[in-house]
Amino acid sequence: MKLAPVAERLAGNRFILNEEESHIVVNQVVAKATGTADRIIAVCPAQVYSKAADGTVQAEYAACMECGTCFAVASPGALSWSYPAGGYGVQFRDG
């Protein structure tokens, strides 16, 4: 059985956004000083992170697949990441 491309498989997922609170907060000072910024941008499969012209890291948390990869590679204190509050976040669909 051949699987569809990743982007096509993920397109069926549903994201319920908590517009009042992000579950991702980047400590810009620590992220810049430790190289965390480049690591989390490189490893995120959903491409949630990007770097602005001033070097700060932007996080588009609405697209987060909640895998925790960014948190695993971040230096201590550089990233606050948790699962979204109950009822929010990604809902994976099969098919």
N, C-alpha and C. Protein backbone atom coordinates (compact mmCIF):
# COMPACT_ATOMS: atom_id res chain seq x y z
N MET A 1 0.85 -1.18 0.00
CA MET A 1 0.00 0.00 0.00
C MET A 1 0.89 1.24 0.00
N LYS A 2 0.69 2.09 -0.97
CA LYS A 2 1.48 3.32 -1.06
C LYS A 2 0.74 4.45 -0.33
N LEU A 3 1.46 5.15 0.52
CA LEU A 3 0.87 6.27 1.27
C LEU A 3 0.90 7.54 0.44
N ALA A 4 -0.08 8.39 0.68
CA ALA A 4 -0.13 9.70 0.04
C ALA A 4 0.99 10.56 0.62
N PRO A 5 1.41 11.60 -0.10
CA PRO A 5 2.44 12.51 0.44
C PRO A 5 2.01 13.08 1.80
N VAL A 6 3.01 13.40 2.63
CA VAL A 6 2.75 13.88 3.99
C VAL A 6 1.81 15.08 3.99
N ALA A 7 2.06 16.06 3.15
CA ALA A 7 1.21 17.26 3.13
C ALA A 7 -0.25 16.91 2.86
N GLU A 8 -0.46 15.94 1.98
CA GLU A 8 -1.82 15.52 1.66
C GLU A 8 -2.47 14.80 2.84
N ARG A 9 -1.70 13.97 3.53
CA ARG A 9 -2.23 13.26 4.68
C ARG A 9 -2.56 14.22 5.83
N LEU A 10 -1.75 15.23 6.02
CA LEU A 10 -1.98 16.18 7.11
C LEU A 10 -3.11 17.15 6.81
N ALA A 11 -3.43 17.33 5.56
CA ALA A 11 -4.48 18.29 5.18
C ALA A 11 -5.84 17.94 5.77
N GLY A 12 -6.07 16.69 6.10
CA GLY A 12 -7.34 16.28 6.66
C GLY A 12 -7.47 16.55 8.15
N ASN A 13 -6.38 16.95 8.79
CA ASN A 13 -6.42 17.22 10.23
C ASN A 13 -7.19 18.51 10.50
N ARG A 14 -7.70 18.60 11.69
CA ARG A 14 -8.45 19.78 12.09
C ARG A 14 -7.74 20.43 13.28
N PHE A 15 -7.62 21.74 13.23
CA PHE A 15 -6.98 22.48 14.30
C PHE A 15 -8.01 23.39 14.96
N ILE A 16 -8.17 23.24 16.26
CA ILE A 16 -9.08 24.10 17.01
C ILE A 16 -8.21 25.06 17.81
N LEU A 17 -8.24 26.31 17.44
CA LEU A 17 -7.34 27.31 17.97
C LEU A 17 -7.87 27.98 19.23
N ASN A 18 -7.02 28.04 20.24
CA ASN A 18 -7.31 28.82 21.43
C ASN A 18 -6.75 30.22 21.17
N GLU A 19 -7.59 31.13 20.77
CA GLU A 19 -7.14 32.46 20.38
C GLU A 19 -6.73 33.32 21.57
N GLU A 20 -7.00 32.87 22.77
CA GLU A 20 -6.66 33.64 23.96
C GLU A 20 -5.28 33.31 24.50
N GLU A 21 -4.76 32.14 24.19
CA GLU A 21 -3.50 31.72 24.80
C GLU A 21 -2.74 30.75 23.90
N SER A 22 -1.49 31.09 23.62
CA SER A 22 -0.62 30.20 22.85
C SER A 22 -0.04 29.16 23.80
N HIS A 23 0.11 27.95 23.31
CA HIS A 23 0.76 26.91 24.12
C HIS A 23 2.27 26.88 23.87
N ILE A 24 2.75 27.83 23.05
CA ILE A 24 4.18 27.96 22.75
C ILE A 24 4.61 29.39 23.05
N VAL A 25 5.65 29.54 23.86
CA VAL A 25 6.21 30.85 24.14
C VAL A 25 7.72 30.74 24.01
N VAL A 26 8.29 31.58 23.15
CA VAL A 26 9.74 31.58 22.93
C VAL A 26 10.37 32.68 23.77
N ASN A 27 11.37 32.32 24.57
CA ASN A 27 12.16 33.31 25.30
C ASN A 27 13.23 33.75 24.30
N GLN A 28 13.03 34.92 23.71
CA GLN A 28 13.88 35.38 22.62
C GLN A 28 15.35 35.50 23.02
N VAL A 29 15.61 36.00 24.21
CA VAL A 29 17.00 36.20 24.66
C VAL A 29 17.73 34.86 24.75
N VAL A 30 17.11 33.89 25.41
CA VAL A 30 17.73 32.57 25.57
C VAL A 30 17.82 31.85 24.23
N ALA A 31 16.78 31.94 23.42
CA ALA A 31 16.78 31.26 22.12
C ALA A 31 17.92 31.77 21.24
N LYS A 32 18.13 33.07 21.21
CA LYS A 32 19.23 33.64 20.40
C LYS A 32 20.58 33.24 20.96
N ALA A 33 20.74 33.33 22.27
CA ALA A 33 22.03 33.09 22.89
C ALA A 33 22.48 31.63 22.80
N THR A 34 21.54 30.70 22.73
CA THR A 34 21.87 29.27 22.76
C THR A 34 21.78 28.57 21.42
N GLY A 35 21.34 29.27 20.39
CA GLY A 35 21.18 28.63 19.09
C GLY A 35 19.88 27.85 18.96
N THR A 36 19.05 27.94 19.98
CA THR A 36 17.77 27.24 19.95
C THR A 36 16.92 27.68 18.76
N ALA A 37 16.98 28.95 18.44
CA ALA A 37 16.16 29.48 17.34
C ALA A 37 16.36 28.66 16.07
N ASP A 38 17.61 28.47 15.69
CA ASP A 38 17.89 27.73 14.46
C ASP A 38 17.49 26.26 14.56
N ARG A 39 17.68 25.67 15.74
CA ARG A 39 17.33 24.25 15.90
C ARG A 39 15.83 24.02 15.80
N ILE A 40 15.03 24.84 16.47
CA ILE A 40 13.58 24.59 16.44
C ILE A 40 13.00 24.88 15.05
N ILE A 41 13.57 25.83 14.35
CA ILE A 41 13.13 26.10 12.98
C ILE A 41 13.45 24.89 12.09
N ALA A 42 14.63 24.33 12.27
CA ALA A 42 15.07 23.20 11.44
C ALA A 42 14.29 21.91 11.68
N VAL A 43 13.90 21.64 12.94
CA VAL A 43 13.31 20.33 13.24
C VAL A 43 11.79 20.28 13.19
N CYS A 44 11.12 21.40 13.23
CA CYS A 44 9.65 21.38 13.30
C CYS A 44 9.04 20.84 12.01
N PRO A 45 8.34 19.70 12.09
CA PRO A 45 7.75 19.14 10.87
C PRO A 45 6.59 19.96 10.31
N ALA A 46 5.98 20.78 11.15
CA ALA A 46 4.84 21.60 10.70
C ALA A 46 5.27 23.00 10.28
N GLN A 47 6.56 23.28 10.37
CA GLN A 47 7.11 24.59 10.03
C GLN A 47 6.39 25.71 10.78
N VAL A 48 6.22 25.50 12.07
CA VAL A 48 5.55 26.46 12.95
C VAL A 48 6.43 27.69 13.17
N TYR A 49 7.74 27.50 13.18
CA TYR A 49 8.67 28.57 13.54
C TYR A 49 9.30 29.22 12.32
N SER A 50 9.54 30.52 12.44
CA SER A 50 10.27 31.27 11.42
C SER A 50 11.06 32.36 12.12
N LYS A 51 12.04 32.88 11.42
CA LYS A 51 12.88 33.92 12.00
C LYS A 51 12.58 35.24 11.31
N ALA A 52 12.31 36.27 12.10
CA ALA A 52 12.06 37.62 11.57
C ALA A 52 13.39 38.27 11.21
N ALA A 53 13.32 39.38 10.50
CA ALA A 53 14.53 40.09 10.08
C ALA A 53 15.40 40.51 11.25
N ASP A 54 14.79 40.77 12.40
CA ASP A 54 15.56 41.19 13.57
C ASP A 54 16.12 40.01 14.37
N GLY A 55 15.91 38.80 13.88
CA GLY A 55 16.44 37.61 14.53
C GLY A 55 15.53 36.96 15.55
N THR A 56 14.38 37.58 15.82
CA THR A 56 13.45 36.96 16.75
C THR A 56 12.73 35.80 16.09
N VAL A 57 12.30 34.87 16.90
CA VAL A 57 11.60 33.68 16.40
C VAL A 57 10.11 33.89 16.53
N GLN A 58 9.40 33.67 15.45
CA GLN A 58 7.95 33.76 15.44
C GLN A 58 7.39 32.34 15.50
N ALA A 59 6.34 32.14 16.27
CA ALA A 59 5.72 30.81 16.39
C ALA A 59 4.26 30.91 15.97
N GLU A 60 3.90 30.22 14.90
CA GLU A 60 2.52 30.17 14.42
C GLU A 60 1.88 28.93 15.04
N TYR A 61 1.48 29.08 16.30
CA TYR A 61 1.04 27.93 17.08
C TYR A 61 -0.21 27.25 16.54
N ALA A 62 -0.96 27.92 15.70
CA ALA A 62 -2.18 27.33 15.16
C ALA A 62 -1.88 26.11 14.30
N ALA A 63 -0.68 26.01 13.75
CA ALA A 63 -0.33 24.89 12.88
C ALA A 63 0.39 23.77 13.62
N CYS A 64 0.60 23.91 14.92
CA CYS A 64 1.37 22.95 15.69
C CYS A 64 0.70 21.57 15.71
N MET A 65 1.50 20.53 15.43
CA MET A 65 1.00 19.16 15.45
C MET A 65 1.21 18.51 16.82
N GLU A 66 1.75 19.27 17.78
CA GLU A 66 1.90 18.83 19.16
C GLU A 66 2.81 17.62 19.32
N CYS A 67 3.84 17.54 18.50
CA CYS A 67 4.76 16.40 18.57
C CYS A 67 5.81 16.58 19.65
N GLY A 68 6.11 17.85 20.03
CA GLY A 68 7.08 18.12 21.08
C GLY A 68 8.52 18.11 20.63
N THR A 69 8.77 17.96 19.34
CA THR A 69 10.14 17.93 18.83
C THR A 69 10.89 19.21 19.17
N CYS A 70 10.23 20.35 19.02
CA CYS A 70 10.88 21.63 19.31
C CYS A 70 11.33 21.69 20.76
N PHE A 71 10.50 21.23 21.66
CA PHE A 71 10.81 21.26 23.08
C PHE A 71 11.99 20.34 23.39
N ALA A 72 12.08 19.23 22.66
CA ALA A 72 13.16 18.27 22.89
C ALA A 72 14.53 18.84 22.49
N VAL A 73 14.57 19.71 21.48
CA VAL A 73 15.86 20.23 21.02
C VAL A 73 16.18 21.62 21.57
N ALA A 74 15.23 22.25 22.23
CA ALA A 74 15.43 23.59 22.77
C ALA A 74 16.31 23.55 24.01
N SER A 75 17.14 24.58 24.17
CA SER A 75 17.95 24.71 25.38
C SER A 75 17.03 25.05 26.55
N PRO A 76 17.41 24.65 27.76
CA PRO A 76 16.59 24.97 28.93
C PRO A 76 16.29 26.47 29.02
N GLY A 77 15.03 26.79 29.21
CA GLY A 77 14.61 28.17 29.37
C GLY A 77 14.33 28.91 28.07
N ALA A 78 14.62 28.29 26.93
CA ALA A 78 14.43 28.96 25.65
C ALA A 78 13.00 28.85 25.12
N LEU A 79 12.31 27.82 25.54
CA LEU A 79 10.99 27.55 24.97
C LEU A 79 10.06 27.01 26.05
N SER A 80 8.90 27.61 26.13
CA SER A 80 7.85 27.07 27.00
C SER A 80 6.84 26.43 26.07
N TRP A 81 6.67 25.12 26.18
CA TRP A 81 5.77 24.39 25.29
C TRP A 81 4.96 23.43 26.15
N SER A 82 3.67 23.39 25.88
CA SER A 82 2.80 22.43 26.57
C SER A 82 1.69 22.05 25.61
N TYR A 83 0.97 21.03 25.95
CA TYR A 83 -0.19 20.70 25.12
C TYR A 83 -1.23 21.79 25.29
N PRO A 84 -2.00 22.10 24.25
CA PRO A 84 -3.04 23.11 24.38
C PRO A 84 -4.07 22.70 25.43
N ALA A 85 -4.76 23.69 25.96
CA ALA A 85 -5.81 23.43 26.94
C ALA A 85 -6.84 22.47 26.34
N GLY A 86 -7.53 21.74 27.20
CA GLY A 86 -8.52 20.76 26.77
C GLY A 86 -9.50 21.31 25.74
N GLY A 87 -9.71 20.53 24.70
CA GLY A 87 -10.64 20.92 23.63
C GLY A 87 -9.99 21.71 22.50
N TYR A 88 -8.73 22.11 22.69
CA TYR A 88 -8.02 22.86 21.66
C TYR A 88 -6.88 22.03 21.09
N GLY A 89 -6.37 22.46 19.96
CA GLY A 89 -5.21 21.80 19.35
C GLY A 89 -5.59 21.02 18.12
N VAL A 90 -4.71 20.10 17.78
CA VAL A 90 -4.89 19.32 16.55
C VAL A 90 -5.76 18.10 16.83
N GLN A 91 -6.60 17.79 15.85
CA GLN A 91 -7.38 16.58 15.86
C GLN A 91 -6.99 15.81 14.61
N PHE A 92 -6.27 14.72 14.80
CA PHE A 92 -5.79 13.95 13.67
C PHE A 92 -6.93 13.13 13.07
N ARG A 93 -6.94 13.12 11.75
CA ARG A 93 -7.97 12.36 11.01
C ARG A 93 -7.32 11.22 10.27
N ASP A 94 -7.98 10.11 10.23
CA ASP A 94 -7.48 8.96 9.49
C ASP A 94 -8.13 8.98 8.11
N GLY A 95 -7.33 8.74 7.13
CA GLY A 95 -7.95 8.64 5.83
C GLY A 95 -7.23 9.38 4.84
